[in-house]
């Protein structure tokens, strides 16, 4: 059974909204209008739900609290509160009276013979499905990673602007006159300005397209007792997820840099295995990045990681554990082994690793997280007062010694930890066709009822005392 991704639903929704903006017709039949208004309500509900999921709110507001009151907006410091303004605009949209709201299945199931109503229905179905794919996904990095969150926010902003344009047409013929709405000081032009700026800023800062592949997770069978300890790798597309899983296993046990007397962060064997394996992977990923002109920009990124890991490898070759057998997470070994063996198989078969540009972006980000967490965990363990790691190099005639601050090893780990994350904008590599077409249509669609603004700046008064000629 094939499950559609968020990307598939978002593209179909954008296609339907684009048709509605370009078509600019409204049905006259009373039943068709009723279905249109309920489908519009579902479109608004889907976008509001997506904003709640991104904002990590505890619960969606109950039906008897919609529409909600929104704070008075201000444009001072706009970039810092774009997401909040988008949220305010969404919850200030007109809503059907409570006694007229019905379940989605009552009006989304039957197809309509009217093309406009059918497009509203398609937009509602696809937007609800897209929001469900995000809220029910197994992993939800867009809730914590700004780079992925901006990708979702761009889609929300563009879809909301489309709804505003369509609402202005429904307002003209009085179809939203009975809808409930809070007082909101922004007019249509100001709202569109905020949403257009949000989409533009999101394009600048979206560094991850991970939401595109989001799918709702299936309910696990209660009779199954199998637990998958690691992320398996069967194709090159699985590499980023496996690297991200390894990064999670390597996360330091505490949230701050304070050193503590507790279980060790990492053992000597684990540090050596992961360092050597990540060096091998970075070299393989560097070669993979060079296979395509669109991805070769990442070759330098992986090469820089490999150089630092190559410098680190001989420095930890003589690390030893004070007390053996204290590895805090054995899944690190298993996940790293799965990655290394999978990449080895791919290269041995002769085909190499082939990735799409967006997949290479995700792989670079995940590799950064792995090496960052490796450097951070190992540095913490070496420098804490009761460290379980010692330097047992034979050159120390008096026996093993502790690794101190400002040592060569500590400086190398600091360099590894401080290496910057990849900053390539994912929109450079991925521009979904239907959503891009919708955004372009909005850029060319003026408000239907606004007065023509003047392009001429107001004349400035001359200061007092300035002579006139």
Protein backbone atom coordinates (compact mmCIF):
# COMPACT_ATOMS: atom_id res chain seq x y z
CA UNK A 1 0.00 0.00 0.00
CA UNK A 2 1.44 3.38 -1.04
CA UNK A 3 1.08 6.29 1.39
CA UNK A 4 1.21 9.78 -0.04
CA UNK A 5 3.75 12.16 1.41
CA UNK A 6 3.27 15.69 2.64
CA UNK A 7 4.86 16.85 -0.61
CA UNK A 8 2.27 15.10 -2.76
CA UNK A 9 -0.66 16.55 -0.81
CA UNK A 10 0.85 20.06 -0.72
CA UNK A 11 1.41 20.06 -4.48
CA UNK A 12 -2.18 18.98 -5.21
CA UNK A 13 -3.54 21.59 -2.78
CA UNK A 14 -1.47 24.33 -4.44
CA UNK A 15 -2.75 23.23 -7.86
CA UNK A 16 -6.36 23.52 -6.66
CA UNK A 17 -5.82 26.94 -5.05
CA UNK A 18 -4.05 28.18 -8.17
CA UNK A 19 -7.03 27.15 -10.29
CA UNK A 20 -9.43 28.99 -7.96
CA UNK A 21 -7.43 32.22 -8.15
CA UNK A 22 -7.17 32.10 -11.94
CA UNK A 23 -10.77 30.95 -12.48
CA UNK A 24 -12.48 33.72 -10.44
CA UNK A 25 -16.01 32.29 -10.64
CA UNK A 26 -18.52 31.67 -7.86
CA UNK A 27 -21.44 29.23 -8.20
CA UNK A 28 -25.02 30.46 -7.96
CA UNK A 29 -26.64 27.21 -6.83
CA UNK A 30 -27.48 27.30 -3.11
CA UNK A 31 -26.34 23.74 -2.42
CA UNK A 32 -23.06 24.33 -4.27
CA UNK A 33 -22.43 27.53 -2.29
CA UNK A 34 -23.09 25.69 0.97
CA UNK A 35 -20.57 22.97 0.09
CA UNK A 36 -18.05 25.62 -1.03
CA UNK A 37 -18.26 27.46 2.29
CA UNK A 38 -17.83 24.27 4.29
CA UNK A 39 -14.87 23.22 2.16
CA UNK A 40 -13.37 26.67 2.71
CA UNK A 41 -13.80 26.11 6.46
CA UNK A 42 -11.86 22.87 6.18
CA UNK A 43 -9.06 24.68 4.32
CA UNK A 44 -8.81 27.22 7.13
CA UNK A 45 -8.94 24.48 9.79
CA UNK A 46 -6.10 22.59 8.10
CA UNK A 47 -3.84 25.65 8.03
CA UNK A 48 -4.65 26.54 11.63
CA UNK A 49 -3.88 22.99 12.73
CA UNK A 50 -0.53 23.12 10.96
CA UNK A 51 0.36 26.35 12.76
CA UNK A 52 -0.56 24.76 16.09
CA UNK A 53 1.68 21.80 15.32
CA UNK A 54 4.63 24.00 14.38
CA UNK A 55 4.11 26.11 17.48
CA UNK A 56 3.97 23.00 19.67
CA UNK A 57 0.80 24.16 21.41
CA UNK A 58 -0.67 21.70 23.85
CA UNK A 59 -4.06 21.42 22.17
CA UNK A 60 -6.10 22.80 19.32
CA UNK A 61 -8.76 25.26 20.56
CA UNK A 62 -12.27 23.77 20.83
CA UNK A 63 -14.87 24.74 18.26
CA UNK A 64 -16.74 27.05 20.65
CA UNK A 65 -13.63 29.23 20.98
CA UNK A 66 -13.23 29.99 17.26
CA UNK A 67 -12.40 32.52 16.03
CA UNK A 68 -10.02 33.45 18.82
CA UNK A 69 -9.04 36.94 19.86
CA UNK A 70 -5.70 38.05 18.48
CA UNK A 71 -3.33 40.66 19.87
CA UNK A 72 -2.92 43.97 18.09
CA UNK A 73 -0.11 43.55 15.58
CA UNK A 74 2.81 45.90 15.10
CA UNK A 75 5.44 45.82 12.40
CA UNK A 76 8.31 46.95 14.62
CA UNK A 77 10.86 44.15 14.66
CA UNK A 78 8.94 42.35 11.92
CA UNK A 79 11.42 39.54 11.21
CA UNK A 80 11.40 38.38 14.83
CA UNK A 81 7.64 37.85 14.92
CA UNK A 82 6.67 36.86 11.40
CA UNK A 83 5.50 33.41 12.51
CA UNK A 84 3.33 34.93 15.24
CA UNK A 85 1.78 37.41 12.80
CA UNK A 86 0.99 34.55 10.40
CA UNK A 87 -0.66 32.70 13.28
CA UNK A 88 -2.70 35.83 14.15
CA UNK A 89 -3.80 36.28 10.55
CA UNK A 90 -4.90 32.64 10.31
CA UNK A 91 -7.02 32.83 13.46
CA UNK A 92 -8.56 36.14 12.41
CA UNK A 93 -10.04 34.59 9.25
CA UNK A 94 -13.85 34.48 9.13
CA UNK A 95 -15.36 31.27 10.52
CA UNK A 96 -18.77 29.70 10.11
CA UNK A 97 -21.16 30.14 13.06
CA UNK A 98 -20.95 27.23 15.49
CA UNK A 99 -24.43 25.93 14.74
CA UNK A 100 -23.56 25.63 11.04
CA UNK A 101 -20.29 23.74 11.41
CA UNK A 102 -20.42 20.04 10.49
CA UNK A 103 -18.01 17.14 10.35
CA UNK A 104 -15.60 17.14 7.43
CA UNK A 105 -16.93 13.86 6.03
CA UNK A 106 -20.39 15.40 5.51
CA UNK A 107 -19.22 17.72 2.73
CA UNK A 108 -15.80 16.42 1.61
CA UNK A 109 -16.91 12.95 0.52
CA UNK A 110 -19.30 13.79 -2.33
CA UNK A 111 -17.66 15.17 -5.46
CA UNK A 112 -19.27 18.22 -7.03
CA UNK A 113 -20.26 18.81 -10.64
CA UNK A 114 -19.30 22.47 -10.25
CA UNK A 115 -15.60 22.92 -11.06
CA UNK A 116 -15.14 25.75 -8.54
CA UNK A 117 -16.70 23.78 -5.70
CA UNK A 118 -14.73 20.70 -6.70
CA UNK A 119 -11.49 22.71 -6.56
CA UNK A 120 -12.36 23.97 -3.08
CA UNK A 121 -13.09 20.38 -2.06
CA UNK A 122 -9.78 19.16 -3.50
CA UNK A 123 -7.89 21.95 -1.72
CA UNK A 124 -9.59 21.04 1.57
CA UNK A 125 -8.89 17.31 1.24
CA UNK A 126 -5.25 17.80 0.30
CA UNK A 127 -4.51 20.46 2.92
CA UNK A 128 -6.09 18.33 5.65
CA UNK A 129 -4.09 15.33 4.45
CA UNK A 130 -0.87 17.36 4.34
CA UNK A 131 -1.38 18.65 7.87
CA UNK A 132 -2.19 15.14 9.07
CA UNK A 133 0.98 13.80 7.44
CA UNK A 134 3.01 16.28 9.48
CA UNK A 135 1.18 15.89 12.80
CA UNK A 136 1.16 12.08 12.63
CA UNK A 137 4.69 11.54 11.29
CA UNK A 138 7.02 9.27 13.23
CA UNK A 139 9.77 11.91 13.35
CA UNK A 140 8.93 15.63 13.38
CA UNK A 141 12.13 17.67 13.05
CA UNK A 142 10.18 20.74 11.88
CA UNK A 143 8.96 21.21 15.47
CA UNK A 144 12.49 21.76 16.77
CA UNK A 145 14.69 22.51 13.76
CA UNK A 146 14.20 26.07 12.42
CA UNK A 147 15.59 25.05 9.04
CA UNK A 148 12.77 22.51 8.59
CA UNK A 149 10.18 24.68 10.34
CA UNK A 150 10.70 27.48 7.83
CA UNK A 151 10.01 25.03 4.99
CA UNK A 152 6.56 24.31 6.45
CA UNK A 153 5.96 27.98 7.26
CA UNK A 154 6.58 28.97 3.65
CA UNK A 155 3.80 26.65 2.48
CA UNK A 156 1.44 27.94 5.17
CA UNK A 157 2.12 31.58 4.30
CA UNK A 158 1.53 31.06 0.56
CA UNK A 159 -1.65 29.06 1.12
CA UNK A 160 -2.96 31.64 3.60
CA UNK A 161 -2.37 34.45 1.12
CA UNK A 162 -4.32 32.48 -1.46
CA UNK A 163 -7.21 32.11 1.01
CA UNK A 164 -7.16 35.87 1.66
CA UNK A 165 -7.40 36.59 -2.07
CA UNK A 166 -10.26 34.12 -2.46
CA UNK A 167 -12.00 35.45 0.66
CA UNK A 168 -11.92 38.99 -0.75
CA UNK A 169 -13.92 37.73 -3.74
CA UNK A 170 -16.40 35.91 -1.52
CA UNK A 171 -16.77 39.07 0.58
CA UNK A 172 -17.66 41.09 -2.52
CA UNK A 173 -20.78 38.99 -3.13
CA UNK A 174 -21.68 38.75 0.57
CA UNK A 175 -21.00 35.04 1.10
CA UNK A 176 -18.98 35.67 4.26
CA UNK A 177 -21.36 38.23 5.75
CA UNK A 178 -22.72 35.79 8.36
CA UNK A 179 -19.32 34.45 9.36
CA UNK A 180 -17.83 35.19 12.77
CA UNK A 181 -14.59 37.14 12.97
CA UNK A 182 -12.62 39.01 15.64
CA UNK A 183 -11.71 42.67 15.28
CA UNK A 184 -8.36 42.84 13.53
CA UNK A 185 -6.54 46.08 12.72
CA UNK A 186 -4.75 44.83 9.60
CA UNK A 187 -6.33 45.28 6.21
CA UNK A 188 -6.00 42.93 3.26
CA UNK A 189 -2.94 44.67 1.81
CA UNK A 190 -1.09 44.59 5.14
CA UNK A 191 -1.91 40.92 5.66
CA UNK A 192 -0.68 40.03 2.20
CA UNK A 193 2.48 42.03 2.80
CA UNK A 194 3.21 40.06 5.99
CA UNK A 195 2.49 36.72 4.34
CA UNK A 196 4.56 37.52 1.25
CA UNK A 197 7.47 38.62 3.45
CA UNK A 198 7.12 35.43 5.50
CA UNK A 199 7.34 33.29 2.36
CA UNK A 200 10.40 35.23 1.24
CA UNK A 201 12.15 34.96 4.62
CA UNK A 202 11.25 31.26 4.77
CA UNK A 203 12.92 30.78 1.38
CA UNK A 204 16.09 32.37 2.79
CA UNK A 205 16.20 30.31 5.98
CA UNK A 206 14.74 26.91 5.00
CA UNK A 207 17.78 24.65 5.12
CA UNK A 208 15.91 21.34 5.30
CA UNK A 209 13.18 19.84 3.12
CA UNK A 210 12.59 16.94 5.51
CA UNK A 211 8.83 17.71 5.76
CA UNK A 212 8.46 16.78 2.08
CA UNK A 213 8.80 13.06 2.83
CA UNK A 214 6.61 13.07 5.95
CA UNK A 215 3.93 10.37 6.07
CA UNK A 216 1.50 9.36 8.81
CA UNK A 217 2.87 6.49 10.87
CA UNK A 218 0.90 3.26 10.90
CA UNK A 219 -0.45 1.87 14.14
CA UNK A 220 1.89 -0.87 15.31
CA UNK A 221 0.34 -4.25 15.90
CA UNK A 222 -0.06 -4.85 19.62
CA UNK A 223 1.02 -8.47 19.21
CA UNK A 224 4.43 -7.51 17.85
CA UNK A 225 7.32 -7.56 20.30
CA UNK A 226 10.07 -6.67 17.80
CA UNK A 227 11.93 -3.46 18.62
CA UNK A 228 14.19 -2.01 15.94
CA UNK A 229 17.24 -0.65 17.80
CA UNK A 230 18.75 1.23 14.85
CA UNK A 231 17.74 2.90 11.61
CA UNK A 232 18.36 0.44 8.77
CA UNK A 233 20.05 1.46 5.51
CA UNK A 234 18.98 -0.28 2.32
CA UNK A 235 19.27 2.57 -0.21
CA UNK A 236 21.27 5.82 -0.37
CA UNK A 237 18.08 7.69 0.55
CA UNK A 238 18.23 6.04 4.02
CA UNK A 239 21.66 7.46 4.88
CA UNK A 240 20.54 10.80 6.26
CA UNK A 241 17.99 9.24 8.63
CA UNK A 242 20.57 6.73 9.88
CA UNK A 243 23.14 9.48 10.45
CA UNK A 244 20.52 11.50 12.32
CA UNK A 245 19.72 8.48 14.49
CA UNK A 246 23.41 8.10 15.30
CA UNK A 247 23.58 11.79 16.17
CA UNK A 248 20.76 11.23 18.67
CA UNK A 249 22.64 8.31 20.25
CA UNK A 250 25.73 10.53 20.58
CA UNK A 251 24.00 13.45 22.23
CA UNK A 252 25.66 14.35 25.54
CA UNK A 253 23.85 13.03 28.58
CA UNK A 254 23.40 16.51 30.06
CA UNK A 255 22.10 19.70 28.45
CA UNK A 256 24.90 21.97 29.67
CA UNK A 257 28.67 21.90 29.76
CA UNK A 258 29.01 21.45 33.52
CA UNK A 259 31.19 18.46 34.33
CA UNK A 260 29.69 15.95 36.70
CA UNK A 261 30.52 12.71 38.50
CA UNK A 262 28.22 10.30 36.72
CA UNK A 263 28.30 7.60 34.05
CA UNK A 264 30.77 8.29 31.22
CA UNK A 265 29.70 10.14 28.10
CA UNK A 266 31.59 7.80 25.77
CA UNK A 267 34.15 4.99 25.98
CA UNK A 268 37.53 4.86 24.27
CA UNK A 269 36.49 2.03 21.92
CA UNK A 270 33.32 3.86 20.91
CA UNK A 271 35.21 7.09 20.23
CA UNK A 272 37.75 5.27 18.05
CA UNK A 273 35.16 3.28 16.12
CA UNK A 274 32.93 6.26 15.37
CA UNK A 275 35.85 8.53 14.46
CA UNK A 276 37.31 6.01 12.01
CA UNK A 277 33.92 5.15 10.54
CA UNK A 278 32.85 8.77 10.12
CA UNK A 279 36.15 9.49 8.40
CA UNK A 280 35.35 6.66 5.97
CA UNK A 281 31.81 7.96 5.47
CA UNK A 282 32.89 11.55 4.90
CA UNK A 283 35.30 10.43 2.18
CA UNK A 284 32.53 8.37 0.57
CA UNK A 285 30.06 11.25 0.81
CA UNK A 286 32.65 13.60 -0.68
CA UNK A 287 32.90 11.33 -3.71
CA UNK A 288 29.12 11.08 -3.93
CA UNK A 289 28.78 14.87 -3.86
CA UNK A 290 31.16 15.15 -6.80
CA UNK A 291 28.95 13.02 -9.04
CA UNK A 292 26.60 15.91 -9.85
CA UNK A 293 27.21 19.61 -10.57
CA UNK A 294 24.27 20.45 -8.29
CA UNK A 295 25.75 18.64 -5.30
CA UNK A 296 29.48 19.22 -5.76
CA UNK A 297 29.24 22.26 -3.49
CA UNK A 298 28.99 19.75 -0.61
CA UNK A 299 32.26 18.02 -1.51
CA UNK A 300 34.25 20.72 0.31
CA UNK A 301 31.98 20.38 3.35
CA UNK A 302 32.64 16.65 3.70
CA UNK A 303 36.34 17.11 2.94
CA UNK A 304 36.74 19.60 5.78
CA UNK A 305 35.09 17.16 8.21
CA UNK A 306 37.32 14.36 6.98
CA UNK A 307 40.47 16.41 7.53
CA UNK A 308 39.61 17.15 11.16
CA UNK A 309 38.62 13.52 11.79
CA UNK A 310 41.88 12.38 10.18
CA UNK A 311 43.79 14.65 12.55
CA UNK A 312 41.78 13.35 15.51
CA UNK A 313 42.18 9.63 14.76
CA UNK A 314 45.87 9.17 15.78
CA UNK A 315 45.39 11.37 18.85
CA UNK A 316 42.82 9.00 20.36
CA UNK A 317 44.52 5.75 19.34
CA UNK A 318 45.94 5.26 22.85
CA UNK A 319 42.91 6.35 24.89
CA UNK A 320 41.92 3.80 27.52
CA UNK A 321 39.05 3.36 29.98
CA UNK A 322 39.74 3.51 33.71
CA UNK A 323 36.86 1.11 34.25
CA UNK A 324 35.98 -1.14 31.32
CA UNK A 325 32.49 -2.01 30.17
CA UNK A 326 30.78 1.34 30.84
CA UNK A 327 29.61 2.27 27.32
CA UNK A 328 26.41 4.26 27.99
CA UNK A 329 24.66 3.37 24.73
CA UNK A 330 25.54 0.23 22.76
CA UNK A 331 23.26 1.34 19.92
CA UNK A 332 26.03 3.71 18.87
CA UNK A 333 28.11 0.71 17.81
CA UNK A 334 25.18 -0.93 16.04
CA UNK A 335 24.07 2.19 14.18
CA UNK A 336 27.60 3.10 13.10
CA UNK A 337 28.22 -0.48 11.94
CA UNK A 338 24.99 -0.43 9.93
CA UNK A 339 26.04 2.79 8.21
CA UNK A 340 29.59 1.68 7.46
CA UNK A 341 28.63 -1.74 6.09
CA UNK A 342 25.81 -0.26 3.97
CA UNK A 343 28.08 2.35 2.36
CA UNK A 344 30.71 -0.32 1.80
CA UNK A 345 28.16 -2.50 -0.03
CA UNK A 346 26.99 0.43 -2.16
CA UNK A 347 30.52 1.27 -3.26
CA UNK A 348 31.51 -2.38 -3.76
CA UNK A 349 28.65 -2.86 -6.22
CA UNK A 350 30.25 -0.20 -8.42
CA UNK A 351 27.30 2.14 -8.67
CA UNK A 352 28.42 4.45 -5.90
CA UNK A 353 26.09 6.65 -3.90
CA UNK A 354 23.61 8.69 -5.94
CA UNK A 355 21.52 11.27 -4.10
CA UNK A 356 19.17 14.03 -5.13
CA UNK A 357 20.30 17.55 -4.14
CA UNK A 358 17.72 17.80 -1.35
CA UNK A 359 18.83 14.41 -0.01
CA UNK A 360 22.44 15.60 -0.03
CA UNK A 361 21.40 18.64 2.01
CA UNK A 362 19.82 16.37 4.62
CA UNK A 363 22.87 14.09 4.66
CA UNK A 364 25.23 17.04 5.20
CA UNK A 365 23.10 18.35 8.07
CA UNK A 366 22.92 14.92 9.70
CA UNK A 367 26.68 14.40 9.31
CA UNK A 368 27.29 17.74 10.97
CA UNK A 369 25.12 16.66 13.92
CA UNK A 370 27.06 13.39 14.26
CA UNK A 371 30.51 14.99 14.25
CA UNK A 372 29.38 17.85 16.49
CA UNK A 373 27.93 15.49 19.09
CA UNK A 374 30.96 13.20 18.86
CA UNK A 375 33.36 16.07 19.53
CA UNK A 376 31.21 17.48 22.31
CA UNK A 377 30.68 14.18 24.13
CA UNK A 378 34.33 13.14 23.91
CA UNK A 379 35.60 16.56 25.01
CA UNK A 380 33.26 16.59 28.01
CA UNK A 381 34.31 13.11 29.06
CA UNK A 382 38.02 13.95 28.82
CA UNK A 383 37.73 17.15 30.83
CA UNK A 384 35.33 16.21 33.61
CA UNK A 385 36.92 15.73 37.00
CA UNK A 386 36.11 12.02 37.31
CA UNK A 387 36.75 11.16 33.68
CA UNK A 388 36.78 7.50 32.75
CA UNK A 389 39.27 8.17 29.92
CA UNK A 390 43.04 8.36 30.19
CA UNK A 391 45.88 8.74 27.71
CA UNK A 392 47.86 5.47 27.84
CA UNK A 393 50.44 6.39 25.19
CA UNK A 394 53.79 4.55 25.75
CA UNK A 395 55.64 7.86 25.74
CA UNK A 396 54.32 8.54 29.25
CA UNK A 397 57.03 6.80 31.28
CA UNK A 398 55.19 7.21 34.56
CA UNK A 399 52.01 5.58 33.30
CA UNK A 400 48.74 6.85 31.79
CA UNK A 401 47.83 10.51 32.29
CA UNK A 402 44.71 12.62 32.16
CA UNK A 403 44.03 14.75 29.11
CA UNK A 404 44.15 18.40 30.13
CA UNK A 405 42.79 21.63 28.75
CA UNK A 406 44.72 23.33 25.97
CA UNK A 407 46.23 19.97 25.01
CA UNK A 408 46.46 19.12 21.34
CA UNK A 409 43.61 16.60 21.64
CA UNK A 410 41.37 19.10 23.42
CA UNK A 411 42.03 21.73 20.74
CA UNK A 412 41.21 19.26 17.95
CA UNK A 413 37.94 18.29 19.63
CA UNK A 414 37.07 21.95 20.07
CA UNK A 415 37.69 22.49 16.35
CA UNK A 416 35.44 19.53 15.52
CA UNK A 417 32.69 20.76 17.82
CA UNK A 418 32.81 24.31 16.44
CA UNK A 419 32.73 23.42 12.76
CA UNK A 420 29.77 25.28 11.20
CA UNK A 421 26.65 23.51 10.01
CA UNK A 422 25.91 23.58 6.28
CA UNK A 423 24.03 26.75 5.37
CA UNK A 424 22.95 25.97 1.83
CA UNK A 425 19.32 27.01 1.36
CA UNK A 426 17.29 23.99 0.39
CA UNK A 427 15.10 26.15 -1.88
CA UNK A 428 18.15 26.42 -4.12
CA UNK A 429 17.84 22.70 -4.79
CA UNK A 430 14.09 22.17 -4.48
CA UNK A 431 11.33 24.42 -5.80
CA UNK A 432 8.07 22.41 -5.88
CA UNK A 433 6.35 23.24 -9.16
CA UNK A 434 2.74 23.70 -8.06
CA UNK A 435 3.61 25.67 -4.93
CA UNK A 436 6.00 27.85 -6.92
CA UNK A 437 3.28 28.42 -9.53
CA UNK A 438 0.81 29.41 -6.81
CA UNK A 439 3.29 31.86 -5.32
CA UNK A 440 3.95 33.35 -8.76
CA UNK A 441 0.21 33.70 -9.38
CA UNK A 442 -0.21 35.53 -6.08
CA UNK A 443 2.61 37.91 -7.01
CA UNK A 444 0.65 38.81 -10.17
CA UNK A 445 -2.80 39.04 -8.53
CA UNK A 446 -3.64 42.51 -7.14
CA UNK A 447 -6.42 43.07 -4.61
CA UNK A 448 -9.65 43.45 -6.57
CA UNK A 449 -11.14 46.32 -4.58
CA UNK A 450 -8.19 48.46 -3.50
CA UNK A 451 -7.55 51.98 -4.76
CA UNK A 452 -4.51 52.53 -6.95
CA UNK A 453 -1.66 53.61 -4.64
CA UNK A 454 0.55 56.49 -5.69
CA UNK A 455 4.12 55.66 -6.72
CA UNK A 456 5.28 59.19 -5.87
CA UNK A 457 6.82 59.94 -2.44
CA UNK A 458 5.37 62.82 -0.50
CA UNK A 459 7.26 66.08 -0.83
CA UNK A 460 9.51 66.96 2.10
CA UNK A 461 9.26 70.28 3.83
CA UNK A 462 12.30 72.49 3.71
CA UNK A 463 13.75 73.17 7.17
CA UNK A 464 13.27 76.67 8.65
CA UNK A 465 15.93 79.13 7.59
CA UNK A 466 16.64 77.48 4.25
CA UNK A 467 16.61 80.18 1.59
CA UNK A 468 14.33 79.66 -1.38
CA UNK A 469 15.31 80.63 -4.90
